[in-house]
mmCIF file of all heavy atoms, coordinates in Angstrom:
data_MODEL
# 
_entry.id   MODEL 
# 
loop_
_atom_site.group_PDB 
_atom_site.id 
_atom_site.type_symbol 
_atom_site.label_atom_id 
_atom_site.label_alt_id 
_atom_site.label_comp_id 
_atom_site.label_asym_id 
_atom_site.label_entity_id 
_atom_site.label_seq_id 
_atom_site.pdbx_PDB_ins_code 
_atom_site.Cartn_x 
_atom_site.Cartn_y 
_atom_site.Cartn_z 
_atom_site.occupancy 
_atom_site.B_iso_or_equiv 
_atom_site.pdbx_formal_charge 
_atom_site.auth_seq_id 
_atom_site.auth_comp_id 
_atom_site.auth_asym_id 
_atom_site.auth_atom_id 
_atom_site.pdbx_PDB_model_num 
ATOM 1   N N   . GLY A 1 1  ? -5.416 -15.784 -1.604  1.00 0.00 ? 1  GLY A N   1 
ATOM 2   C CA  . GLY A 1 1  ? -4.840 -14.712 -0.807  1.00 0.00 ? 1  GLY A CA  1 
ATOM 3   C C   . GLY A 1 1  ? -5.283 -13.351 -1.312  1.00 0.00 ? 1  GLY A C   1 
ATOM 4   O O   . GLY A 1 1  ? -6.017 -13.241 -2.305  1.00 0.00 ? 1  GLY A O   1 
ATOM 5   N N   . GLN A 1 2  ? -4.852 -12.315 -0.639  1.00 0.00 ? 2  GLN A N   1 
ATOM 6   C CA  . GLN A 1 2  ? -5.239 -10.960 -1.014  1.00 0.00 ? 2  GLN A CA  1 
ATOM 7   C C   . GLN A 1 2  ? -4.014 -10.070 -1.165  1.00 0.00 ? 2  GLN A C   1 
ATOM 8   O O   . GLN A 1 2  ? -3.034 -10.213 -0.426  1.00 0.00 ? 2  GLN A O   1 
ATOM 9   C CB  . GLN A 1 2  ? -6.192 -10.364 0.025   1.00 0.00 ? 2  GLN A CB  1 
ATOM 10  C CG  . GLN A 1 2  ? -7.543 -11.068 0.080   1.00 0.00 ? 2  GLN A CG  1 
ATOM 11  C CD  . GLN A 1 2  ? -8.482 -10.395 1.052   1.00 0.00 ? 2  GLN A CD  1 
ATOM 12  O OE1 . GLN A 1 2  ? -8.123 -10.144 2.206   1.00 0.00 ? 2  GLN A OE1 1 
ATOM 13  N NE2 . GLN A 1 2  ? -9.698 -10.101 0.604   1.00 0.00 ? 2  GLN A NE2 1 
ATOM 14  N N   . VAL A 1 3  ? -4.098 -9.161  -2.130  1.00 0.00 ? 3  VAL A N   1 
ATOM 15  C CA  . VAL A 1 3  ? -3.014 -8.213  -2.392  1.00 0.00 ? 3  VAL A CA  1 
ATOM 16  C C   . VAL A 1 3  ? -3.600 -6.815  -2.442  1.00 0.00 ? 3  VAL A C   1 
ATOM 17  O O   . VAL A 1 3  ? -4.612 -6.585  -3.115  1.00 0.00 ? 3  VAL A O   1 
ATOM 18  C CB  . VAL A 1 3  ? -2.290 -8.532  -3.719  1.00 0.00 ? 3  VAL A CB  1 
ATOM 19  C CG1 . VAL A 1 3  ? -1.206 -7.485  -4.001  1.00 0.00 ? 3  VAL A CG1 1 
ATOM 20  C CG2 . VAL A 1 3  ? -1.702 -9.936  -3.688  1.00 0.00 ? 3  VAL A CG2 1 
ATOM 21  N N   . THR A 1 4  ? -2.994 -5.889  -1.749  1.00 0.00 ? 4  THR A N   1 
ATOM 22  C CA  . THR A 1 4  ? -3.332 -4.475  -1.886  1.00 0.00 ? 4  THR A CA  1 
ATOM 23  C C   . THR A 1 4  ? -2.343 -3.858  -2.861  1.00 0.00 ? 4  THR A C   1 
ATOM 24  O O   . THR A 1 4  ? -1.129 -3.881  -2.615  1.00 0.00 ? 4  THR A O   1 
ATOM 25  C CB  . THR A 1 4  ? -3.267 -3.748  -0.534  1.00 0.00 ? 4  THR A CB  1 
ATOM 26  O OG1 . THR A 1 4  ? -4.241 -4.298  0.346   1.00 0.00 ? 4  THR A OG1 1 
ATOM 27  C CG2 . THR A 1 4  ? -3.545 -2.254  -0.721  1.00 0.00 ? 4  THR A CG2 1 
ATOM 28  N N   . TRP A 1 5  ? -2.888 -3.336  -3.970  1.00 0.00 ? 5  TRP A N   1 
ATOM 29  C CA  . TRP A 1 5  ? -2.061 -2.737  -5.025  1.00 0.00 ? 5  TRP A CA  1 
ATOM 30  C C   . TRP A 1 5  ? -2.060 -1.218  -4.826  1.00 0.00 ? 5  TRP A C   1 
ATOM 31  O O   . TRP A 1 5  ? -3.027 -0.534  -5.144  1.00 0.00 ? 5  TRP A O   1 
ATOM 32  C CB  . TRP A 1 5  ? -2.603 -3.091  -6.402  1.00 0.00 ? 5  TRP A CB  1 
ATOM 33  C CG  . TRP A 1 5  ? -2.644 -4.574  -6.659  1.00 0.00 ? 5  TRP A CG  1 
ATOM 34  C CD1 . TRP A 1 5  ? -3.671 -5.429  -6.403  1.00 0.00 ? 5  TRP A CD1 1 
ATOM 35  C CD2 . TRP A 1 5  ? -1.586 -5.370  -7.205  1.00 0.00 ? 5  TRP A CD2 1 
ATOM 36  N NE1 . TRP A 1 5  ? -3.334 -6.717  -6.755  1.00 0.00 ? 5  TRP A NE1 1 
ATOM 37  C CE2 . TRP A 1 5  ? -2.059 -6.713  -7.255  1.00 0.00 ? 5  TRP A CE2 1 
ATOM 38  C CE3 . TRP A 1 5  ? -0.300 -5.088  -7.659  1.00 0.00 ? 5  TRP A CE3 1 
ATOM 39  C CZ2 . TRP A 1 5  ? -1.277 -7.763  -7.745  1.00 0.00 ? 5  TRP A CZ2 1 
ATOM 40  C CZ3 . TRP A 1 5  ? 0.480  -6.132  -8.146  1.00 0.00 ? 5  TRP A CZ3 1 
ATOM 41  C CH2 . TRP A 1 5  ? 0.000  -7.443  -8.187  1.00 0.00 ? 5  TRP A CH2 1 
ATOM 42  N N   . LEU A 1 6  ? -0.976 -0.693  -4.287  1.00 0.00 ? 6  LEU A N   1 
ATOM 43  C CA  . LEU A 1 6  ? -0.898 0.740   -4.006  1.00 0.00 ? 6  LEU A CA  1 
ATOM 44  C C   . LEU A 1 6  ? -0.740 1.549   -5.282  1.00 0.00 ? 6  LEU A C   1 
ATOM 45  O O   . LEU A 1 6  ? 0.087  1.207   -6.143  1.00 0.00 ? 6  LEU A O   1 
ATOM 46  C CB  . LEU A 1 6  ? 0.285  1.028   -3.086  1.00 0.00 ? 6  LEU A CB  1 
ATOM 47  C CG  . LEU A 1 6  ? 0.270  0.371   -1.700  1.00 0.00 ? 6  LEU A CG  1 
ATOM 48  C CD1 . LEU A 1 6  ? 1.592  0.616   -1.003  1.00 0.00 ? 6  LEU A CD1 1 
ATOM 49  C CD2 . LEU A 1 6  ? -0.894 0.895   -0.870  1.00 0.00 ? 6  LEU A CD2 1 
ATOM 50  N N   . PRO A 1 7  ? -1.492 2.643   -5.440  1.00 0.00 ? 7  PRO A N   1 
ATOM 51  C CA  . PRO A 1 7  ? -1.280 3.529   -6.580  1.00 0.00 ? 7  PRO A CA  1 
ATOM 52  C C   . PRO A 1 7  ? -0.043 4.396   -6.356  1.00 0.00 ? 7  PRO A C   1 
ATOM 53  O O   . PRO A 1 7  ? 0.550  4.389   -5.264  1.00 0.00 ? 7  PRO A O   1 
ATOM 54  C CB  . PRO A 1 7  ? -2.554 4.383   -6.582  1.00 0.00 ? 7  PRO A CB  1 
ATOM 55  C CG  . PRO A 1 7  ? -2.936 4.456   -5.130  1.00 0.00 ? 7  PRO A CG  1 
ATOM 56  C CD  . PRO A 1 7  ? -2.560 3.109   -4.543  1.00 0.00 ? 7  PRO A CD  1 
ATOM 57  N N   . VAL A 1 8  ? 0.342  5.128   -7.384  1.00 0.00 ? 8  VAL A N   1 
ATOM 58  C CA  . VAL A 1 8  ? 1.435  6.092   -7.259  1.00 0.00 ? 8  VAL A CA  1 
ATOM 59  C C   . VAL A 1 8  ? 0.918  7.471   -7.655  1.00 0.00 ? 8  VAL A C   1 
ATOM 60  O O   . VAL A 1 8  ? -0.105 7.598   -8.338  1.00 0.00 ? 8  VAL A O   1 
ATOM 61  C CB  . VAL A 1 8  ? 2.651  5.709   -8.139  1.00 0.00 ? 8  VAL A CB  1 
ATOM 62  C CG1 . VAL A 1 8  ? 3.277  4.418   -7.639  1.00 0.00 ? 8  VAL A CG1 1 
ATOM 63  C CG2 . VAL A 1 8  ? 2.263  5.579   -9.608  1.00 0.00 ? 8  VAL A CG2 1 
ATOM 64  N N   . ASP A 1 9  ? 1.647  8.501   -7.232  1.00 0.00 ? 9  ASP A N   1 
ATOM 65  C CA  . ASP A 1 9  ? 1.246  9.854   -7.592  1.00 0.00 ? 9  ASP A CA  1 
ATOM 66  C C   . ASP A 1 9  ? 1.776  10.212  -8.981  1.00 0.00 ? 9  ASP A C   1 
ATOM 67  O O   . ASP A 1 9  ? 2.374  9.366   -9.674  1.00 0.00 ? 9  ASP A O   1 
ATOM 68  C CB  . ASP A 1 9  ? 1.700  10.856  -6.532  1.00 0.00 ? 9  ASP A CB  1 
ATOM 69  C CG  . ASP A 1 9  ? 3.226  10.915  -6.364  1.00 0.00 ? 9  ASP A CG  1 
ATOM 70  O OD1 . ASP A 1 9  ? 3.960  10.526  -7.300  1.00 0.00 ? 9  ASP A OD1 1 
ATOM 71  O OD2 . ASP A 1 9  ? 3.683  11.366  -5.300  1.00 0.00 ? 9  ASP A OD2 1 
ATOM 72  N N   . GLY A 1 10 ? 1.566  11.449  -9.387  1.00 0.00 ? 10 GLY A N   1 
ATOM 73  C CA  . GLY A 1 10 ? 1.956  11.869  -10.730 1.00 0.00 ? 10 GLY A CA  1 
ATOM 74  C C   . GLY A 1 10 ? 3.447  11.859  -10.969 1.00 0.00 ? 10 GLY A C   1 
ATOM 75  O O   . GLY A 1 10 ? 3.886  11.913  -12.121 1.00 0.00 ? 10 GLY A O   1 
ATOM 76  N N   . GLU A 1 11 ? 4.231  11.767  -9.907  1.00 0.00 ? 11 GLU A N   1 
ATOM 77  C CA  . GLU A 1 11 ? 5.689  11.694  -10.039 1.00 0.00 ? 11 GLU A CA  1 
ATOM 78  C C   . GLU A 1 11 ? 6.202  10.271  -9.853  1.00 0.00 ? 11 GLU A C   1 
ATOM 79  O O   . GLU A 1 11 ? 7.406  10.043  -9.792  1.00 0.00 ? 11 GLU A O   1 
ATOM 80  C CB  . GLU A 1 11 ? 6.352  12.646  -9.044  1.00 0.00 ? 11 GLU A CB  1 
ATOM 81  C CG  . GLU A 1 11 ? 6.071  14.110  -9.377  1.00 0.00 ? 11 GLU A CG  1 
ATOM 82  C CD  . GLU A 1 11 ? 6.698  15.067  -8.395  1.00 0.00 ? 11 GLU A CD  1 
ATOM 83  O OE1 . GLU A 1 11 ? 6.835  14.696  -7.194  1.00 0.00 ? 11 GLU A OE1 1 
ATOM 84  O OE2 . GLU A 1 11 ? 7.055  16.183  -8.799  1.00 0.00 ? 11 GLU A OE2 1 
ATOM 85  N N   . GLY A 1 12 ? 5.281  9.323   -9.757  1.00 0.00 ? 12 GLY A N   1 
ATOM 86  C CA  . GLY A 1 12 ? 5.666  7.918   -9.718  1.00 0.00 ? 12 GLY A CA  1 
ATOM 87  C C   . GLY A 1 12 ? 6.001  7.362   -8.365  1.00 0.00 ? 12 GLY A C   1 
ATOM 88  O O   . GLY A 1 12 ? 6.617  6.300   -8.256  1.00 0.00 ? 12 GLY A O   1 
ATOM 89  N N   . ARG A 1 13 ? 5.556  8.037   -7.284  1.00 0.00 ? 13 ARG A N   1 
ATOM 90  C CA  . ARG A 1 13 ? 5.898  7.580   -5.928  1.00 0.00 ? 13 ARG A CA  1 
ATOM 91  C C   . ARG A 1 13 ? 4.665  7.109   -5.166  1.00 0.00 ? 13 ARG A C   1 
ATOM 92  O O   . ARG A 1 13 ? 3.587  7.692   -5.275  1.00 0.00 ? 13 ARG A O   1 
ATOM 93  C CB  . ARG A 1 13 ? 6.582  8.686   -5.127  1.00 0.00 ? 13 ARG A CB  1 
ATOM 94  C CG  . ARG A 1 13 ? 7.843  9.246   -5.771  1.00 0.00 ? 13 ARG A CG  1 
ATOM 95  C CD  . ARG A 1 13 ? 8.590  10.139  -4.798  1.00 0.00 ? 13 ARG A CD  1 
ATOM 96  N NE  . ARG A 1 13 ? 9.526  9.365   -3.988  1.00 0.00 ? 13 ARG A NE  1 
ATOM 97  C CZ  . ARG A 1 13 ? 9.867  9.667   -2.736  1.00 0.00 ? 13 ARG A CZ  1 
ATOM 98  N NH1 . ARG A 1 13 ? 9.309  10.693  -2.139  1.00 0.00 ? 13 ARG A NH1 1 
ATOM 99  N NH2 . ARG A 1 13 ? 10.738 8.936   -2.090  1.00 0.00 ? 13 ARG A NH2 1 
ATOM 100 N N   . VAL A 1 14 ? 4.873  6.052   -4.398  1.00 0.00 ? 14 VAL A N   1 
ATOM 101 C CA  . VAL A 1 14 ? 3.847  5.573   -3.481  1.00 0.00 ? 14 VAL A CA  1 
ATOM 102 C C   . VAL A 1 14 ? 3.688  6.577   -2.342  1.00 0.00 ? 14 VAL A C   1 
ATOM 103 O O   . VAL A 1 14 ? 4.666  7.170   -1.883  1.00 0.00 ? 14 VAL A O   1 
ATOM 104 C CB  . VAL A 1 14 ? 4.246  4.187   -2.923  1.00 0.00 ? 14 VAL A CB  1 
ATOM 105 C CG1 . VAL A 1 14 ? 3.440  3.809   -1.705  1.00 0.00 ? 14 VAL A CG1 1 
ATOM 106 C CG2 . VAL A 1 14 ? 4.134  3.123   -4.006  1.00 0.00 ? 14 VAL A CG2 1 
ATOM 107 N N   . ARG A 1 15 ? 2.459  6.762   -1.895  1.00 0.00 ? 15 ARG A N   1 
ATOM 108 C CA  . ARG A 1 15 ? 2.208  7.621   -0.735  1.00 0.00 ? 15 ARG A CA  1 
ATOM 109 C C   . ARG A 1 15 ? 2.351  6.787   0.533   1.00 0.00 ? 15 ARG A C   1 
ATOM 110 O O   . ARG A 1 15 ? 1.693  5.747   0.691   1.00 0.00 ? 15 ARG A O   1 
ATOM 111 C CB  . ARG A 1 15 ? 0.816  8.229   -0.818  1.00 0.00 ? 15 ARG A CB  1 
ATOM 112 C CG  . ARG A 1 15 ? 0.612  9.122   -2.041  1.00 0.00 ? 15 ARG A CG  1 
ATOM 113 C CD  . ARG A 1 15 ? -0.842 9.563   -2.144  1.00 0.00 ? 15 ARG A CD  1 
ATOM 114 N NE  . ARG A 1 15 ? -1.096 10.371  -3.329  1.00 0.00 ? 15 ARG A NE  1 
ATOM 115 C CZ  . ARG A 1 15 ? -1.405 9.872   -4.530  1.00 0.00 ? 15 ARG A CZ  1 
ATOM 116 N NH1 . ARG A 1 15 ? -1.497 8.551   -4.691  1.00 0.00 ? 15 ARG A NH1 1 
ATOM 117 N NH2 . ARG A 1 15 ? -1.610 10.665  -5.556  1.00 0.00 ? 15 ARG A NH2 1 
ATOM 118 N N   . VAL A 1 16 ? 3.187  7.263   1.443   1.00 0.00 ? 16 VAL A N   1 
ATOM 119 C CA  . VAL A 1 16 ? 3.450  6.508   2.674   1.00 0.00 ? 16 VAL A CA  1 
ATOM 120 C C   . VAL A 1 16 ? 2.159  6.280   3.446   1.00 0.00 ? 16 VAL A C   1 
ATOM 121 O O   . VAL A 1 16 ? 1.915  5.183   3.965   1.00 0.00 ? 16 VAL A O   1 
ATOM 122 C CB  . VAL A 1 16 ? 4.484  7.246   3.543   1.00 0.00 ? 16 VAL A CB  1 
ATOM 123 C CG1 . VAL A 1 16 ? 4.673  6.515   4.880   1.00 0.00 ? 16 VAL A CG1 1 
ATOM 124 C CG2 . VAL A 1 16 ? 5.815  7.366   2.813   1.00 0.00 ? 16 VAL A CG2 1 
ATOM 125 N N   . SER A 1 17 ? 1.310  7.289   3.516   1.00 0.00 ? 17 SER A N   1 
ATOM 126 C CA  . SER A 1 17 ? 0.063  7.162   4.287   1.00 0.00 ? 17 SER A CA  1 
ATOM 127 C C   . SER A 1 17 ? -0.810 6.040   3.739   1.00 0.00 ? 17 SER A C   1 
ATOM 128 O O   . SER A 1 17 ? -1.456 5.314   4.511   1.00 0.00 ? 17 SER A O   1 
ATOM 129 C CB  . SER A 1 17 ? -0.716 8.480   4.270   1.00 0.00 ? 17 SER A CB  1 
ATOM 130 O OG  . SER A 1 17 ? -1.042 8.863   2.936   1.00 0.00 ? 17 SER A OG  1 
ATOM 131 N N   . GLU A 1 18 ? -0.857 5.878   2.432   1.00 0.00 ? 18 GLU A N   1 
ATOM 132 C CA  . GLU A 1 18 ? -1.672 4.818   1.837   1.00 0.00 ? 18 GLU A CA  1 
ATOM 133 C C   . GLU A 1 18 ? -1.056 3.448   2.092   1.00 0.00 ? 18 GLU A C   1 
ATOM 134 O O   . GLU A 1 18 ? -1.782 2.465   2.301   1.00 0.00 ? 18 GLU A O   1 
ATOM 135 C CB  . GLU A 1 18 ? -1.853 5.070   0.340   1.00 0.00 ? 18 GLU A CB  1 
ATOM 136 C CG  . GLU A 1 18 ? -2.691 6.310   0.045   1.00 0.00 ? 18 GLU A CG  1 
ATOM 137 C CD  . GLU A 1 18 ? -2.914 6.525   -1.448  1.00 0.00 ? 18 GLU A CD  1 
ATOM 138 O OE1 . GLU A 1 18 ? -2.300 5.794   -2.258  1.00 0.00 ? 18 GLU A OE1 1 
ATOM 139 O OE2 . GLU A 1 18 ? -3.698 7.429   -1.787  1.00 0.00 ? 18 GLU A OE2 1 
ATOM 140 N N   . ALA A 1 19 ? 0.259  3.375   2.082   1.00 0.00 ? 19 ALA A N   1 
ATOM 141 C CA  . ALA A 1 19 ? 0.922  2.105   2.384   1.00 0.00 ? 19 ALA A CA  1 
ATOM 142 C C   . ALA A 1 19 ? 0.642  1.687   3.825   1.00 0.00 ? 19 ALA A C   1 
ATOM 143 O O   . ALA A 1 19 ? 0.342  0.515   4.109   1.00 0.00 ? 19 ALA A O   1 
ATOM 144 C CB  . ALA A 1 19 ? 2.421  2.221   2.141   1.00 0.00 ? 19 ALA A CB  1 
ATOM 145 N N   . VAL A 1 20 ? 0.727  2.635   4.730   1.00 0.00 ? 20 VAL A N   1 
ATOM 146 C CA  . VAL A 1 20 ? 0.484  2.329   6.142   1.00 0.00 ? 20 VAL A CA  1 
ATOM 147 C C   . VAL A 1 20 ? -0.976 1.929   6.358   1.00 0.00 ? 20 VAL A C   1 
ATOM 148 O O   . VAL A 1 20 ? -1.274 0.978   7.088   1.00 0.00 ? 20 VAL A O   1 
ATOM 149 C CB  . VAL A 1 20 ? 0.863  3.534   7.019   1.00 0.00 ? 20 VAL A CB  1 
ATOM 150 C CG1 . VAL A 1 20 ? 0.478  3.279   8.474   1.00 0.00 ? 20 VAL A CG1 1 
ATOM 151 C CG2 . VAL A 1 20 ? 2.365  3.818   6.909   1.00 0.00 ? 20 VAL A CG2 1 
ATOM 152 N N   . ALA A 1 21 ? -1.883 2.649   5.698   1.00 0.00 ? 21 ALA A N   1 
ATOM 153 C CA  . ALA A 1 21 ? -3.309 2.346   5.854   1.00 0.00 ? 21 ALA A CA  1 
ATOM 154 C C   . ALA A 1 21 ? -3.659 0.956   5.332   1.00 0.00 ? 21 ALA A C   1 
ATOM 155 O O   . ALA A 1 21 ? -4.652 0.360   5.757   1.00 0.00 ? 21 ALA A O   1 
ATOM 156 C CB  . ALA A 1 21 ? -4.141 3.404   5.124   1.00 0.00 ? 21 ALA A CB  1 
ATOM 157 N N   . ALA A 1 22 ? -2.840 0.420   4.422   1.00 0.00 ? 22 ALA A N   1 
ATOM 158 C CA  . ALA A 1 22 ? -3.124 -0.892  3.842   1.00 0.00 ? 22 ALA A CA  1 
ATOM 159 C C   . ALA A 1 22 ? -2.715 -2.045  4.750   1.00 0.00 ? 22 ALA A C   1 
ATOM 160 O O   . ALA A 1 22 ? -3.108 -3.194  4.518   1.00 0.00 ? 22 ALA A O   1 
ATOM 161 C CB  . ALA A 1 22 ? -2.408 -1.022  2.496   1.00 0.00 ? 22 ALA A CB  1 
ATOM 162 N N   . LEU A 1 23 ? -1.923 -1.773  5.779   1.00 0.00 ? 23 LEU A N   1 
ATOM 163 C CA  . LEU A 1 23 ? -1.432 -2.833  6.662   1.00 0.00 ? 23 LEU A CA  1 
ATOM 164 C C   . LEU A 1 23 ? -2.566 -3.421  7.487   1.00 0.00 ? 23 LEU A C   1 
ATOM 165 O O   . LEU A 1 23 ? -3.422 -2.690  8.002   1.00 0.00 ? 23 LEU A O   1 
ATOM 166 C CB  . LEU A 1 23 ? -0.339 -2.289  7.576   1.00 0.00 ? 23 LEU A CB  1 
ATOM 167 C CG  . LEU A 1 23 ? 0.916  -1.756  6.872   1.00 0.00 ? 23 LEU A CG  1 
ATOM 168 C CD1 . LEU A 1 23 ? 1.842  -1.087  7.873   1.00 0.00 ? 23 LEU A CD1 1 
ATOM 169 C CD2 . LEU A 1 23 ? 1.642  -2.864  6.123   1.00 0.00 ? 23 LEU A CD2 1 
ATOM 170 N N   . ARG A 1 24 ? -2.547 -4.750  7.627   1.00 0.00 ? 24 ARG A N   1 
ATOM 171 C CA  . ARG A 1 24 ? -3.596 -5.453  8.355   1.00 0.00 ? 24 ARG A CA  1 
ATOM 172 C C   . ARG A 1 24 ? -2.969 -6.466  9.292   1.00 0.00 ? 24 ARG A C   1 
ATOM 173 O O   . ARG A 1 24 ? -1.755 -6.728  9.226   1.00 0.00 ? 24 ARG A O   1 
ATOM 174 C CB  . ARG A 1 24 ? -4.531 -6.175  7.376   1.00 0.00 ? 24 ARG A CB  1 
ATOM 175 C CG  . ARG A 1 24 ? -5.080 -5.282  6.306   1.00 0.00 ? 24 ARG A CG  1 
ATOM 176 C CD  . ARG A 1 24 ? -6.049 -5.926  5.334   1.00 0.00 ? 24 ARG A CD  1 
ATOM 177 N NE  . ARG A 1 24 ? -6.026 -7.352  5.150   1.00 0.00 ? 24 ARG A NE  1 
ATOM 178 C CZ  . ARG A 1 24 ? -6.556 -7.971  4.083   1.00 0.00 ? 24 ARG A CZ  1 
ATOM 179 N NH1 . ARG A 1 24 ? -7.156 -7.258  3.130   1.00 0.00 ? 24 ARG A NH1 1 
ATOM 180 N NH2 . ARG A 1 24 ? -6.517 -9.292  3.974   1.00 0.00 ? 24 ARG A NH2 1 
ATOM 181 N N   . SER A 1 25 ? -3.809 -7.050  10.123  1.00 0.00 ? 25 SER A N   1 
ATOM 182 C CA  . SER A 1 25 ? -3.308 -8.057  11.066  1.00 0.00 ? 25 SER A CA  1 
ATOM 183 C C   . SER A 1 25 ? -2.821 -9.310  10.356  1.00 0.00 ? 25 SER A C   1 
ATOM 184 O O   . SER A 1 25 ? -1.988 -10.056 10.883  1.00 0.00 ? 25 SER A O   1 
ATOM 185 C CB  . SER A 1 25 ? -4.392 -8.426  12.077  1.00 0.00 ? 25 SER A CB  1 
ATOM 186 O OG  . SER A 1 25 ? -5.529 -8.968  11.416  1.00 0.00 ? 25 SER A OG  1 
ATOM 187 N N   . ASP A 1 26 ? -3.348 -9.549  9.124   1.00 0.00 ? 26 ASP A N   1 
ATOM 188 C CA  . ASP A 1 26 ? -2.930 -10.738 8.378   1.00 0.00 ? 26 ASP A CA  1 
ATOM 189 C C   . ASP A 1 26 ? -1.946 -10.407 7.253   1.00 0.00 ? 26 ASP A C   1 
ATOM 190 O O   . ASP A 1 26 ? -1.723 -11.219 6.359   1.00 0.00 ? 26 ASP A O   1 
ATOM 191 C CB  . ASP A 1 26 ? -4.154 -11.462 7.796   1.00 0.00 ? 26 ASP A CB  1 
ATOM 192 C CG  . ASP A 1 26 ? -4.916 -10.627 6.776   1.00 0.00 ? 26 ASP A CG  1 
ATOM 193 O OD1 . ASP A 1 26 ? -4.763 -9.382  6.788   1.00 0.00 ? 26 ASP A OD1 1 
ATOM 194 O OD2 . ASP A 1 26 ? -5.663 -11.208 5.964   1.00 0.00 ? 26 ASP A OD2 1 
ATOM 195 N N   . THR A 1 27 ? -1.327 -9.213  7.307   1.00 0.00 ? 27 THR A N   1 
ATOM 196 C CA  . THR A 1 27 ? -0.332 -8.845  6.292   1.00 0.00 ? 27 THR A CA  1 
ATOM 197 C C   . THR A 1 27 ? 0.975  -9.560  6.585   1.00 0.00 ? 27 THR A C   1 
ATOM 198 O O   . THR A 1 27 ? 1.557  -9.395  7.664   1.00 0.00 ? 27 THR A O   1 
ATOM 199 C CB  . THR A 1 27 ? -0.095 -7.322  6.263   1.00 0.00 ? 27 THR A CB  1 
ATOM 200 O OG1 . THR A 1 27 ? -1.336 -6.651  6.041   1.00 0.00 ? 27 THR A OG1 1 
ATOM 201 C CG2 . THR A 1 27 ? 0.877  -6.961  5.147   1.00 0.00 ? 27 THR A CG2 1 
ATOM 202 N N   . ALA A 1 28 ? 1.431  -10.344 5.630   1.00 0.00 ? 28 ALA A N   1 
ATOM 203 C CA  . ALA A 1 28 ? 2.699  -11.054 5.787   1.00 0.00 ? 28 ALA A CA  1 
ATOM 204 C C   . ALA A 1 28 ? 3.879  -10.215 5.341   1.00 0.00 ? 28 ALA A C   1 
ATOM 205 O O   . ALA A 1 28 ? 4.965  -10.293 5.924   1.00 0.00 ? 28 ALA A O   1 
ATOM 206 C CB  . ALA A 1 28 ? 2.668  -12.356 4.983   1.00 0.00 ? 28 ALA A CB  1 
ATOM 207 N N   . LEU A 1 29 ? 3.662  -9.399  4.295   1.00 0.00 ? 29 LEU A N   1 
ATOM 208 C CA  . LEU A 1 29 ? 4.805  -8.770  3.633   1.00 0.00 ? 29 LEU A CA  1 
ATOM 209 C C   . LEU A 1 29 ? 4.388  -7.494  2.924   1.00 0.00 ? 29 LEU A C   1 
ATOM 210 O O   . LEU A 1 29 ? 3.306  -7.427  2.332   1.00 0.00 ? 29 LEU A O   1 
ATOM 211 C CB  . LEU A 1 29 ? 5.391  -9.748  2.605   1.00 0.00 ? 29 LEU A CB  1 
ATOM 212 C CG  . LEU A 1 29 ? 6.625  -9.312  1.821   1.00 0.00 ? 29 LEU A CG  1 
ATOM 213 C CD1 . LEU A 1 29 ? 7.863  -9.293  2.729   1.00 0.00 ? 29 LEU A CD1 1 
ATOM 214 C CD2 . LEU A 1 29 ? 6.872  -10.254 0.644   1.00 0.00 ? 29 LEU A CD2 1 
# 
């Protein structure tokens, strides 16, 4: 399987835009 590992910014938060961009047709979760 495949996992997209989202980075965080300097304050420790995931960027919403990067999370959305990682979504695919075969994303389960």
